[in-house]
Amino acid sequence: MVAQSLIVSFSQVSTFTTNLAWQLRFWLIGLPGGISYATLKAILKLWLGFKPEHSGIFSLRVMVQLLEALLLVFVIPMIPKSYAN
């Protein structure tokens, strides 16, 4: 969904956020399994008419996932191979 929104937006932030918000709305209709309460609440706010900039929900789970992604991208490749074994 993010890649599709990036392609459609041509690097315009407002177009990207609007397109991604609509894709998330319709994604929720598909009743995805394992959706978190924070994600559900944020997408419901989009359906209620909140702008994408104001629909976010604070969630510690999301913060942990972001930190994990940063570790995987930046820290793990810097570990010498001799320590990896």
C-alpha atoms as a PDB file:
ATOM      1  CA  MET A   1       0.000   0.000   0.000  1.00  0.00           C
ATOM      2  CA  VAL A   2       2.843   2.354   0.797  1.00  0.00           C
ATOM      3  CA  ALA A   3       4.584   1.593  -2.487  1.00  0.00           C
ATOM      4  CA  GLN A   4       1.367   2.150  -4.439  1.00  0.00           C
ATOM      5  CA  SER A   5       0.784   5.463  -2.684  1.00  0.00           C
ATOM      6  CA  LEU A   6       4.354   6.567  -3.408  1.00  0.00           C
ATOM      7  CA  ILE A   7       3.953   5.760  -7.088  1.00  0.00           C
ATOM      8  CA  VAL A   8       0.661   7.651  -7.344  1.00  0.00           C
ATOM      9  CA  SER A   9       1.831  10.676  -5.355  1.00  0.00           C
ATOM     10  CA  PHE A  10       4.903  11.635  -7.422  1.00  0.00           C
ATOM     11  CA  SER A  11       6.650  12.768  -4.173  1.00  0.00           C
ATOM     12  CA  GLN A  12       3.801  15.070  -3.075  1.00  0.00           C
ATOM     13  CA  VAL A  13       3.193  14.549   0.632  1.00  0.00           C
ATOM     14  CA  SER A  14      -0.466  15.580   0.660  1.00  0.00           C
ATOM     15  CA  THR A  15      -1.333  13.246  -2.217  1.00  0.00           C
ATOM     16  CA  PHE A  16       0.608  10.412  -0.563  1.00  0.00           C
ATOM     17  CA  THR A  17      -1.171  10.746   2.795  1.00  0.00           C
ATOM     18  CA  THR A  18      -4.600  11.028   1.206  1.00  0.00           C
ATOM     19  CA  ASN A  19      -4.046   8.004  -1.028  1.00  0.00           C
ATOM     20  CA  LEU A  20      -2.621   5.880   1.785  1.00  0.00           C
ATOM     21  CA  ALA A  21      -5.492   6.855   4.080  1.00  0.00           C
ATOM     22  CA  TRP A  22      -8.055   5.670   1.513  1.00  0.00           C
ATOM     23  CA  GLN A  23      -6.167   2.425   0.956  1.00  0.00           C
ATOM     24  CA  LEU A  24      -6.113   1.783   4.715  1.00  0.00           C
ATOM     25  CA  ARG A  25      -9.840   2.441   4.949  1.00  0.00           C
ATOM     26  CA  PHE A  26     -10.601  -0.193   2.330  1.00  0.00           C
ATOM     27  CA  TRP A  27      -8.004  -2.576   3.776  1.00  0.00           C
ATOM     28  CA  LEU A  28      -9.968  -2.550   7.042  1.00  0.00           C
ATOM     29  CA  ILE A  29     -13.125  -3.633   5.200  1.00  0.00           C
ATOM     30  CA  GLY A  30     -11.279  -6.856   4.311  1.00  0.00           C
ATOM     31  CA  LEU A  31     -11.231  -7.736   8.046  1.00  0.00           C
ATOM     32  CA  PRO A  32      -7.507  -8.459   8.361  1.00  0.00           C
ATOM     33  CA  GLY A  33      -6.519 -10.911  11.060  1.00  0.00           C
ATOM     34  CA  GLY A  34      -4.181  -9.845  13.836  1.00  0.00           C
ATOM     35  CA  ILE A  35      -4.905  -6.133  13.565  1.00  0.00           C
ATOM     36  CA  SER A  36      -3.909  -4.200  16.668  1.00  0.00           C
ATOM     37  CA  TYR A  37      -6.338  -2.082  18.641  1.00  0.00           C
ATOM     38  CA  ALA A  38      -4.329   1.076  17.869  1.00  0.00           C
ATOM     39  CA  THR A  39      -4.434   0.378  14.116  1.00  0.00           C
ATOM     40  CA  LEU A  40      -8.157  -0.308  14.271  1.00  0.00           C
ATOM     41  CA  LYS A  41      -8.783   2.898  16.204  1.00  0.00           C
ATOM     42  CA  ALA A  42      -6.678   5.006  13.810  1.00  0.00           C
ATOM     43  CA  ILE A  43      -8.426   3.656  10.701  1.00  0.00           C
ATOM     44  CA  LEU A  44     -11.843   4.134  12.300  1.00  0.00           C
ATOM     45  CA  LYS A  45     -10.892   7.756  12.903  1.00  0.00           C
ATOM     46  CA  LEU A  46     -10.155   8.032   9.164  1.00  0.00           C
ATOM     47  CA  TRP A  47     -13.617   6.641   8.387  1.00  0.00           C
ATOM     48  CA  LEU A  48     -15.173   9.176  10.764  1.00  0.00           C
ATOM     49  CA  GLY A  49     -13.665  12.023   8.761  1.00  0.00           C
ATOM     50  CA  PHE A  50     -10.474  12.884  10.617  1.00  0.00           C
ATOM     51  CA  LYS A  51      -7.674  14.101   8.377  1.00  0.00           C
ATOM     52  CA  PRO A  52      -4.751  11.666   7.978  1.00  0.00           C
ATOM     53  CA  GLU A  53      -2.525  14.102   9.889  1.00  0.00           C
ATOM     54  CA  HIS A  54      -4.836  13.884  12.925  1.00  0.00           C
ATOM     55  CA  SER A  55      -5.848  10.225  12.898  1.00  0.00           C
ATOM     56  CA  GLY A  56      -2.745   8.772  14.533  1.00  0.00           C
ATOM     57  CA  ILE A  57      -2.866   6.881  17.807  1.00  0.00           C
ATOM     58  CA  PHE A  58       0.034   6.603  20.257  1.00  0.00           C
ATOM     59  CA  SER A  59       1.030   2.984  20.731  1.00  0.00           C
ATOM     60  CA  LEU A  60       4.078   1.583  22.480  1.00  0.00           C
ATOM     61  CA  ARG A  61       3.903  -1.519  20.281  1.00  0.00           C
ATOM     62  CA  VAL A  62       4.454   0.642  17.206  1.00  0.00           C
ATOM     63  CA  MET A  63       7.440   2.340  18.850  1.00  0.00           C
ATOM     64  CA  VAL A  64       9.012  -1.039  19.643  1.00  0.00           C
ATOM     65  CA  GLN A  65       8.483  -2.203  16.052  1.00  0.00           C
ATOM     66  CA  LEU A  66      10.080   0.970  14.684  1.00  0.00           C
ATOM     67  CA  LEU A  67      13.100   0.555  16.941  1.00  0.00           C
ATOM     68  CA  GLU A  68      13.387  -3.087  15.930  1.00  0.00           C
ATOM     69  CA  ALA A  69      13.359  -2.130  12.258  1.00  0.00           C
ATOM     70  CA  LEU A  70      16.079   0.453  12.845  1.00  0.00           C
ATOM     71  CA  LEU A  71      18.218  -2.123  14.635  1.00  0.00           C
ATOM     72  CA  LEU A  72      17.795  -4.589  11.793  1.00  0.00           C
ATOM     73  CA  VAL A  73      18.718  -2.021   9.160  1.00  0.00           C
ATOM     74  CA  PHE A  74      21.576  -0.159  10.855  1.00  0.00           C
ATOM     75  CA  VAL A  75      23.087  -2.140  13.723  1.00  0.00           C
ATOM     76  CA  ILE A  76      23.054  -5.794  12.677  1.00  0.00           C
ATOM     77  CA  PRO A  77      24.950  -5.252   9.386  1.00  0.00           C
ATOM     78  CA  MET A  78      27.742  -3.561  11.378  1.00  0.00           C
ATOM     79  CA  ILE A  79      28.363  -6.636  13.579  1.00  0.00           C
ATOM     80  CA  PRO A  80      31.545  -8.400  12.440  1.00  0.00           C
ATOM     81  CA  LYS A  81      30.960 -11.825  10.937  1.00  0.00           C
ATOM     82  CA  SER A  82      33.301 -13.418  13.487  1.00  0.00           C
ATOM     83  CA  TYR A  83      30.789 -12.570  16.259  1.00  0.00           C
ATOM     84  CA  ALA A  84      27.814 -13.838  14.282  1.00  0.00           C
ATOM     85  CA  ASN A  85      28.885 -17.471  14.499  1.00  0.00           C
END
